[in-house]
Amino acid sequence: MRIQYTKWQTQRRSLPDKIFLSTGILVKACSRLNLTWQIRNLAEAAERGEFYFQLNVPKGCRFSPELRQFLKEHKNTKVKRVDR
């Protein structure tokens, strides 16, 4: 089935901020982080074997319970806490 798009509709996709040696790096600067569509999509792509996924967040960032559980289930996804 071919989906017809109008000029306002585009297919959803997401890309990491940087790809370095088969590692996709996504940088988030926030104090609290929820499980978003972008994080879920990139982690699922990493689980399919396309690349490793690294999520860079500030040291004081807190994760939602859903995101913590999601990160435990996805082994190709790592969290790196960095200084601002």
PDB file of N, CA and C in Angstrom:
ATOM      1  N   MET A   1       0.836  -1.178   0.000  1.00  0.00           N
ATOM      2  CA  MET A   1       0.000   0.000   0.000  1.00  0.00           C
ATOM      3  C   MET A   1       0.884   1.246   0.000  1.00  0.00           C
ATOM      4  N   ARG A   2       0.638   2.136  -0.902  1.00  0.00           N
ATOM      5  CA  ARG A   2       1.405   3.373  -1.001  1.00  0.00           C
ATOM      6  C   ARG A   2       0.629   4.492  -0.321  1.00  0.00           C
ATOM      7  N   ILE A   3       1.280   5.151   0.623  1.00  0.00           N
ATOM      8  CA  ILE A   3       0.618   6.209   1.378  1.00  0.00           C
ATOM      9  C   ILE A   3       0.783   7.528   0.633  1.00  0.00           C
ATOM     10  N   GLN A   4      -0.300   8.220   0.442  1.00  0.00           N
ATOM     11  CA  GLN A   4      -0.284   9.502  -0.243  1.00  0.00           C
ATOM     12  C   GLN A   4      -0.090  10.619   0.786  1.00  0.00           C
ATOM     13  N   TYR A   5       0.928  11.431   0.602  1.00  0.00           N
ATOM     14  CA  TYR A   5       1.197  12.547   1.493  1.00  0.00           C
ATOM     15  C   TYR A   5       0.848  13.860   0.794  1.00  0.00           C
ATOM     16  N   THR A   6       0.307  14.781   1.545  1.00  0.00           N
ATOM     17  CA  THR A   6       0.120  16.124   1.013  1.00  0.00           C
ATOM     18  C   THR A   6       1.398  16.907   1.265  1.00  0.00           C
ATOM     19  N   LYS A   7       1.439  18.164   0.842  1.00  0.00           N
ATOM     20  CA  LYS A   7       2.676  18.928   1.035  1.00  0.00           C
ATOM     21  C   LYS A   7       2.928  19.270   2.500  1.00  0.00           C
ATOM     22  N   TRP A   8       1.922  19.155   3.368  1.00  0.00           N
ATOM     23  CA  TRP A   8       2.102  19.451   4.793  1.00  0.00           C
ATOM     24  C   TRP A   8       2.443  18.210   5.602  1.00  0.00           C
ATOM     25  N   GLN A   9       2.200  17.049   5.040  1.00  0.00           N
ATOM     26  CA  GLN A   9       2.460  15.810   5.757  1.00  0.00           C
ATOM     27  C   GLN A   9       3.813  15.245   5.347  1.00  0.00           C
ATOM     28  N   THR A  10       4.567  14.815   6.322  1.00  0.00           N
ATOM     29  CA  THR A  10       5.831  14.150   6.051  1.00  0.00           C
ATOM     30  C   THR A  10       5.898  12.895   6.900  1.00  0.00           C
ATOM     31  N   GLN A  11       6.702  11.969   6.459  1.00  0.00           N
ATOM     32  CA  GLN A  11       6.878  10.747   7.218  1.00  0.00           C
ATOM     33  C   GLN A  11       7.742  11.044   8.438  1.00  0.00           C
ATOM     34  N   ARG A  12       7.359  10.485   9.599  1.00  0.00           N
ATOM     35  CA  ARG A  12       8.112  10.737  10.822  1.00  0.00           C
ATOM     36  C   ARG A  12       9.417   9.974  10.797  1.00  0.00           C
ATOM     37  N   ARG A  13      10.465  10.622  11.261  1.00  0.00           N
ATOM     38  CA  ARG A  13      11.763   9.987  11.409  1.00  0.00           C
ATOM     39  C   ARG A  13      12.544  10.755  12.456  1.00  0.00           C
ATOM     40  N   SER A  14      13.597  10.166  12.938  1.00  0.00           N
ATOM     41  CA  SER A  14      14.460  10.857  13.885  1.00  0.00           C
ATOM     42  C   SER A  14      15.892  10.411  13.645  1.00  0.00           C
ATOM     43  N   LEU A  15      16.799  11.298  13.894  1.00  0.00           N
ATOM     44  CA  LEU A  15      18.217  11.031  13.737  1.00  0.00           C
ATOM     45  C   LEU A  15      18.937  11.463  15.011  1.00  0.00           C
ATOM     46  N   PRO A  16      20.022  10.786  15.363  1.00  0.00           N
ATOM     47  CA  PRO A  16      20.796  11.251  16.509  1.00  0.00           C
ATOM     48  C   PRO A  16      21.513  12.552  16.173  1.00  0.00           C
ATOM     49  N   ASP A  17      21.964  13.259  17.206  1.00  0.00           N
ATOM     50  CA  ASP A  17      22.676  14.514  16.985  1.00  0.00           C
ATOM     51  C   ASP A  17      24.013  14.285  16.290  1.00  0.00           C
ATOM     52  N   LYS A  18      24.666  13.164  16.605  1.00  0.00           N
ATOM     53  CA  LYS A  18      25.958  12.864  16.004  1.00  0.00           C
ATOM     54  C   LYS A  18      26.109  11.357  15.883  1.00  0.00           C
ATOM     55  N   ILE A  19      26.728  10.901  14.809  1.00  0.00           N
ATOM     56  CA  ILE A  19      27.066   9.490  14.650  1.00  0.00           C
ATOM     57  C   ILE A  19      28.585   9.402  14.612  1.00  0.00           C
ATOM     58  N   PHE A  20      29.139   8.638  15.565  1.00  0.00           N
ATOM     59  CA  PHE A  20      30.585   8.545  15.711  1.00  0.00           C
ATOM     60  C   PHE A  20      30.954   7.081  15.915  1.00  0.00           C
ATOM     61  N   LEU A  21      31.651   6.487  14.939  1.00  0.00           N
ATOM     62  CA  LEU A  21      32.102   5.096  15.011  1.00  0.00           C
ATOM     63  C   LEU A  21      30.970   4.139  15.387  1.00  0.00           C
ATOM     64  N   SER A  22      29.936   4.130  14.626  1.00  0.00           N
ATOM     65  CA  SER A  22      28.748   3.280  14.799  1.00  0.00           C
ATOM     66  C   SER A  22      28.044   3.494  16.134  1.00  0.00           C
ATOM     67  N   THR A  23      28.171   4.683  16.697  1.00  0.00           N
ATOM     68  CA  THR A  23      27.454   5.056  17.916  1.00  0.00           C
ATOM     69  C   THR A  23      26.658   6.316  17.632  1.00  0.00           C
ATOM     70  N   GLY A  24      25.355   6.241  17.819  1.00  0.00           N
ATOM     71  CA  GLY A  24      24.500   7.412  17.675  1.00  0.00           C
ATOM     72  C   GLY A  24      24.415   8.136  19.003  1.00  0.00           C
ATOM     73  N   ILE A  25      24.719   9.421  19.013  1.00  0.00           N
ATOM     74  CA  ILE A  25      24.746  10.204  20.246  1.00  0.00           C
ATOM     75  C   ILE A  25      23.624  11.225  20.196  1.00  0.00           C
ATOM     76  N   LEU A  26      22.786  11.217  21.232  1.00  0.00           N
ATOM     77  CA  LEU A  26      21.707  12.183  21.374  1.00  0.00           C
ATOM     78  C   LEU A  26      21.960  12.983  22.640  1.00  0.00           C
ATOM     79  N   VAL A  27      22.000  14.308  22.529  1.00  0.00           N
ATOM     80  CA  VAL A  27      22.285  15.187  23.661  1.00  0.00           C
ATOM     81  C   VAL A  27      20.993  15.853  24.098  1.00  0.00           C
ATOM     82  N   LYS A  28      20.680  15.728  25.387  1.00  0.00           N
ATOM     83  CA  LYS A  28      19.506  16.374  25.973  1.00  0.00           C
ATOM     84  C   LYS A  28      19.970  17.215  27.155  1.00  0.00           C
ATOM     85  N   ALA A  29      19.582  18.486  27.193  1.00  0.00           N
ATOM     86  CA  ALA A  29      19.925  19.388  28.292  1.00  0.00           C
ATOM     87  C   ALA A  29      18.647  19.724  29.046  1.00  0.00           C
ATOM     88  N   CYS A  30      18.340  18.927  30.068  1.00  0.00           N
ATOM     89  CA  CYS A  30      17.104  19.122  30.818  1.00  0.00           C
ATOM     90  C   CYS A  30      17.308  18.647  32.256  1.00  0.00           C
ATOM     91  N   SER A  31      16.404  19.049  33.125  1.00  0.00           N
ATOM     92  CA  SER A  31      16.490  18.612  34.519  1.00  0.00           C
ATOM     93  C   SER A  31      15.677  17.345  34.767  1.00  0.00           C
ATOM     94  N   ARG A  32      14.679  17.091  33.940  1.00  0.00           N
ATOM     95  CA  ARG A  32      13.869  15.863  34.043  1.00  0.00           C
ATOM     96  C   ARG A  32      13.579  15.368  32.632  1.00  0.00           C
ATOM     97  N   LEU A  33      13.776  14.077  32.420  1.00  0.00           N
ATOM     98  CA  LEU A  33      13.632  13.509  31.085  1.00  0.00           C
ATOM     99  C   LEU A  33      12.604  12.385  31.109  1.00  0.00           C
ATOM    100  N   ASN A  34      11.654  12.461  30.200  1.00  0.00           N
ATOM    101  CA  ASN A  34      10.634  11.434  30.033  1.00  0.00           C
ATOM    102  C   ASN A  34      10.980  10.567  28.828  1.00  0.00           C
ATOM    103  N   LEU A  35      10.284   9.465  28.704  1.00  0.00           N
ATOM    104  CA  LEU A  35      10.454   8.592  27.551  1.00  0.00           C
ATOM    105  C   LEU A  35       9.717   9.212  26.373  1.00  0.00           C
ATOM    106  N   THR A  36      10.457   9.811  25.450  1.00  0.00           N
ATOM    107  CA  THR A  36       9.860  10.489  24.308  1.00  0.00           C
ATOM    108  C   THR A  36       9.875   9.569  23.088  1.00  0.00           C
ATOM    109  N   TRP A  37       9.157   9.983  22.065  1.00  0.00           N
ATOM    110  CA  TRP A  37       9.100   9.216  20.826  1.00  0.00           C
ATOM    111  C   TRP A  37      10.488   9.121  20.199  1.00  0.00           C
ATOM    112  N   GLN A  38      11.264  10.201  20.261  1.00  0.00           N
ATOM    113  CA  GLN A  38      12.597  10.222  19.670  1.00  0.00           C
ATOM    114  C   GLN A  38      13.525   9.226  20.365  1.00  0.00           C
ATOM    115  N   ILE A  39      13.509   9.197  21.684  1.00  0.00           N
ATOM    116  CA  ILE A  39      14.360   8.264  22.426  1.00  0.00           C
ATOM    117  C   ILE A  39      13.936   6.830  22.148  1.00  0.00           C
ATOM    118  N   ARG A  40      12.646   6.576  22.154  1.00  0.00           N
ATOM    119  CA  ARG A  40      12.141   5.225  21.894  1.00  0.00           C
ATOM    120  C   ARG A  40      12.525   4.762  20.487  1.00  0.00           C
ATOM    121  N   ASN A  41      12.381   5.625  19.504  1.00  0.00           N
ATOM    122  CA  ASN A  41      12.676   5.267  18.121  1.00  0.00           C
ATOM    123  C   ASN A  41      14.166   4.978  17.927  1.00  0.00           C
ATOM    124  N   LEU A  42      15.043   5.809  18.493  1.00  0.00           N
ATOM    125  CA  LEU A  42      16.480   5.595  18.339  1.00  0.00           C
ATOM    126  C   LEU A  42      16.952   4.355  19.101  1.00  0.00           C
ATOM    127  N   ALA A  43      16.377   4.091  20.264  1.00  0.00           N
ATOM    128  CA  ALA A  43      16.749   2.893  21.020  1.00  0.00           C
ATOM    129  C   ALA A  43      16.296   1.627  20.297  1.00  0.00           C
ATOM    130  N   GLU A  44      15.127   1.658  19.688  1.00  0.00           N
ATOM    131  CA  GLU A  44      14.653   0.502  18.925  1.00  0.00           C
ATOM    132  C   GLU A  44      15.532   0.262  17.701  1.00  0.00           C
ATOM    133  N   ALA A  45      15.998   1.328  17.055  1.00  0.00           N
ATOM    134  CA  ALA A  45      16.911   1.176  15.919  1.00  0.00           C
ATOM    135  C   ALA A  45      18.240   0.577  16.377  1.00  0.00           C
ATOM    136  N   ALA A  46      18.700   0.956  17.552  1.00  0.00           N
ATOM    137  CA  ALA A  46      19.935   0.387  18.093  1.00  0.00           C
ATOM    138  C   ALA A  46      19.757  -1.096  18.406  1.00  0.00           C
ATOM    139  N   GLU A  47      18.596  -1.481  18.891  1.00  0.00           N
ATOM    140  CA  GLU A  47      18.331  -2.889  19.184  1.00  0.00           C
ATOM    141  C   GLU A  47      18.258  -3.733  17.907  1.00  0.00           C
ATOM    142  N   ARG A  48      17.863  -3.134  16.804  1.00  0.00           N
ATOM    143  CA  ARG A  48      17.835  -3.864  15.531  1.00  0.00           C
ATOM    144  C   ARG A  48      19.244  -4.087  14.992  1.00  0.00           C
ATOM    145  N   GLY A  49      20.241  -3.506  15.646  1.00  0.00           N
ATOM    146  CA  GLY A  49      21.623  -3.739  15.257  1.00  0.00           C
ATOM    147  C   GLY A  49      22.200  -2.703  14.325  1.00  0.00           C
ATOM    148  N   GLU A  50      21.524  -1.588  14.149  1.00  0.00           N
ATOM    149  CA  GLU A  50      22.038  -0.574  13.241  1.00  0.00           C
ATOM    150  C   GLU A  50      23.215   0.192  13.856  1.00  0.00           C
ATOM    151  N   PHE A  51      23.168   0.466  15.147  1.00  0.00           N
ATOM    152  CA  PHE A  51      24.233   1.193  15.833  1.00  0.00           C
ATOM    153  C   PHE A  51      24.003   1.092  17.334  1.00  0.00           C
ATOM    154  N   TYR A  52      24.971   1.580  18.114  1.00  0.00           N
ATOM    155  CA  TYR A  52      24.783   1.727  19.551  1.00  0.00           C
ATOM    156  C   TYR A  52      24.228   3.113  19.811  1.00  0.00           C
ATOM    157  N   PHE A  53      23.440   3.248  20.842  1.00  0.00           N
ATOM    158  CA  PHE A  53      22.779   4.518  21.138  1.00  0.00           C
ATOM    159  C   PHE A  53      23.262   5.036  22.481  1.00  0.00           C
ATOM    160  N   GLN A  54      23.793   6.259  22.491  1.00  0.00           N
ATOM    161  CA  GLN A  54      24.282   6.894  23.708  1.00  0.00           C
ATOM    162  C   GLN A  54      23.476   8.157  23.956  1.00  0.00           C
ATOM    163  N   LEU A  55      22.939   8.272  25.149  1.00  0.00           N
ATOM    164  CA  LEU A  55      22.120   9.414  25.542  1.00  0.00           C
ATOM    165  C   LEU A  55      22.929  10.256  26.517  1.00  0.00           C
ATOM    166  N   ASN A  56      23.327  11.460  26.111  1.00  0.00           N
ATOM    167  CA  ASN A  56      24.099  12.361  26.968  1.00  0.00           C
ATOM    168  C   ASN A  56      23.160  13.326  27.671  1.00  0.00           C
ATOM    169  N   VAL A  57      23.209  13.332  29.007  1.00  0.00           N
ATOM    170  CA  VAL A  57      22.364  14.210  29.819  1.00  0.00           C
ATOM    171  C   VAL A  57      23.226  14.872  30.889  1.00  0.00           C
ATOM    172  N   PRO A  58      22.783  16.008  31.460  1.00  0.00           N
ATOM    173  CA  PRO A  58      23.525  16.626  32.565  1.00  0.00           C
ATOM    174  C   PRO A  58      23.517  15.726  33.801  1.00  0.00           C
ATOM    175  N   LYS A  59      24.465  15.956  34.701  1.00  0.00           N
ATOM    176  CA  LYS A  59      24.581  15.115  35.893  1.00  0.00           C
ATOM    177  C   LYS A  59      23.355  15.171  36.785  1.00  0.00           C
ATOM    178  N   GLY A  60      22.674  16.290  36.863  1.00  0.00           N
ATOM    179  CA  GLY A  60      21.517  16.419  37.739  1.00  0.00           C
ATOM    180  C   GLY A  60      20.199  16.002  37.116  1.00  0.00           C
ATOM    181  N   CYS A  61      20.221  15.444  35.932  1.00  0.00           N
ATOM    182  CA  CYS A  61      18.988  15.076  35.232  1.00  0.00           C
ATOM    183  C   CYS A  61      18.337  13.864  35.897  1.00  0.00           C
ATOM    184  N   ARG A  62      17.028  13.953  36.094  1.00  0.00           N
ATOM    185  CA  ARG A  62      16.258  12.852  36.671  1.00  0.00           C
ATOM    186  C   ARG A  62      15.448  12.197  35.563  1.00  0.00           C
ATOM    187  N   PHE A  63      15.304  10.864  35.653  1.00  0.00           N
ATOM    188  CA  PHE A  63      14.568  10.106  34.649  1.00  0.00           C
ATOM    189  C   PHE A  63      13.206   9.710  35.179  1.00  0.00           C
ATOM    190  N   SER A  64      12.239   9.659  34.290  1.00  0.00           N
ATOM    191  CA  SER A  64      10.912   9.172  34.661  1.00  0.00           C
ATOM    192  C   SER A  64      10.997   7.655  34.884  1.00  0.00           C
ATOM    193  N   PRO A  65      10.063   7.090  35.655  1.00  0.00           N
ATOM    194  CA  PRO A  65      10.081   5.632  35.871  1.00  0.00           C
ATOM    195  C   PRO A  65       9.955   4.833  34.572  1.00  0.00           C
ATOM    196  N   GLU A  66       9.175   5.335  33.626  1.00  0.00           N
ATOM    197  CA  GLU A  66       9.030   4.641  32.340  1.00  0.00           C
ATOM    198  C   GLU A  66      10.350   4.597  31.584  1.00  0.00           C
ATOM    199  N   LEU A  67      11.105   5.707  31.625  1.00  0.00           N
ATOM    200  CA  LEU A  67      12.390   5.755  30.931  1.00  0.00           C
ATOM    201  C   LEU A  67      13.400   4.835  31.609  1.00  0.00           C
ATOM    202  N   ARG A  68      13.426   4.805  32.939  1.00  0.00           N
ATOM    203  CA  ARG A  68      14.338   3.909  33.653  1.00  0.00           C
ATOM    204  C   ARG A  68      14.075   2.445  33.288  1.00  0.00           C
ATOM    205  N   GLN A  69      12.822   2.062  33.260  1.00  0.00           N
ATOM    206  CA  GLN A  69      12.471   0.685  32.901  1.00  0.00           C
ATOM    207  C   GLN A  69      12.836   0.393  31.446  1.00  0.00           C
ATOM    208  N   PHE A  70      12.603   1.347  30.570  1.00  0.00           N
ATOM    209  CA  PHE A  70      12.923   1.186  29.151  1.00  0.00           C
ATOM    210  C   PHE A  70      14.427   1.000  28.953  1.00  0.00           C
ATOM    211  N   LEU A  71      15.248   1.761  29.689  1.00  0.00           N
ATOM    212  CA  LEU A  71      16.701   1.651  29.553  1.00  0.00           C
ATOM    213  C   LEU A  71      17.216   0.313  30.075  1.00  0.00           C
ATOM    214  N   LYS A  72      16.571  -0.255  31.075  1.00  0.00           N
ATOM    215  CA  LYS A  72      16.973  -1.572  31.580  1.00  0.00           C
ATOM    216  C   LYS A  72      16.727  -2.659  30.542  1.00  0.00           C
ATOM    217  N   GLU A  73      15.694  -2.497  29.740  1.00  0.00           N
ATOM    218  CA  GLU A  73      15.328  -3.514  28.754  1.00  0.00           C
ATOM    219  C   GLU A  73      16.145  -3.427  27.471  1.00  0.00           C
ATOM    220  N   HIS A  74      16.746  -2.292  27.177  1.00  0.00           N
ATOM    221  CA  HIS A  74      17.484  -2.094  25.929  1.00  0.00           C
ATOM    222  C   HIS A  74      18.978  -2.026  26.236  1.00  0.00           C
ATOM    223  N   LYS A  75      19.693  -3.070  25.864  1.00  0.00           N
ATOM    224  CA  LYS A  75      21.107  -3.198  26.218  1.00  0.00           C
ATOM    225  C   LYS A  75      22.034  -2.391  25.309  1.00  0.00           C
ATOM    226  N   ASN A  76      21.608  -2.045  24.106  1.00  0.00           N
ATOM    227  CA  ASN A  76      22.449  -1.247  23.210  1.00  0.00           C
ATOM    228  C   ASN A  76      22.338   0.244  23.488  1.00  0.00           C
ATOM    229  N   THR A  77      21.594   0.616  24.510  1.00  0.00           N
ATOM    230  CA  THR A  77      21.402   2.016  24.866  1.00  0.00           C
ATOM    231  C   THR A  77      22.119   2.307  26.175  1.00  0.00           C
ATOM    232  N   LYS A  78      22.998   3.296  26.161  1.00  0.00           N
ATOM    233  CA  LYS A  78      23.753   3.683  27.348  1.00  0.00           C
ATOM    234  C   LYS A  78      23.487   5.150  27.663  1.00  0.00           C
ATOM    235  N   VAL A  79      23.556   5.490  28.945  1.00  0.00           N
ATOM    236  CA  VAL A  79      23.378   6.868  29.397  1.00  0.00           C
ATOM    237  C   VAL A  79      24.719   7.377  29.892  1.00  0.00           C
ATOM    238  N   LYS A  80      25.101   8.561  29.430  1.00  0.00           N
ATOM    239  CA  LYS A  80      26.338   9.190  29.880  1.00  0.00           C
ATOM    240  C   LYS A  80      25.977  10.523  30.511  1.00  0.00           C
ATOM    241  N   ARG A  81      26.335  10.688  31.774  1.00  0.00           N
ATOM    242  CA  ARG A  81      26.065  11.945  32.478  1.00  0.00           C
ATOM    243  C   ARG A  81      27.291  12.837  32.338  1.00  0.00           C
ATOM    244  N   VAL A  82      27.074  14.050  31.847  1.00  0.00           N
ATOM    245  CA  VAL A  82      28.176  14.976  31.574  1.00  0.00           C
ATOM    246  C   VAL A  82      27.933  16.296  32.293  1.00  0.00           C
ATOM    247  N   ASP A  83      29.012  17.065  32.483  1.00  0.00           N
ATOM    248  CA  ASP A  83      28.881  18.422  33.011  1.00  0.00           C
ATOM    249  C   ASP A  83      28.370  19.322  31.906  1.00  0.00           C
ATOM    250  N   ARG A  84      27.667  20.371  32.303  1.00  0.00           N
ATOM    251  CA  ARG A  84      27.143  21.296  31.291  1.00  0.00           C
ATOM    252  C   ARG A  84      28.215  22.135  30.703  1.00  0.00           C
TER     253      ARG A  84
END
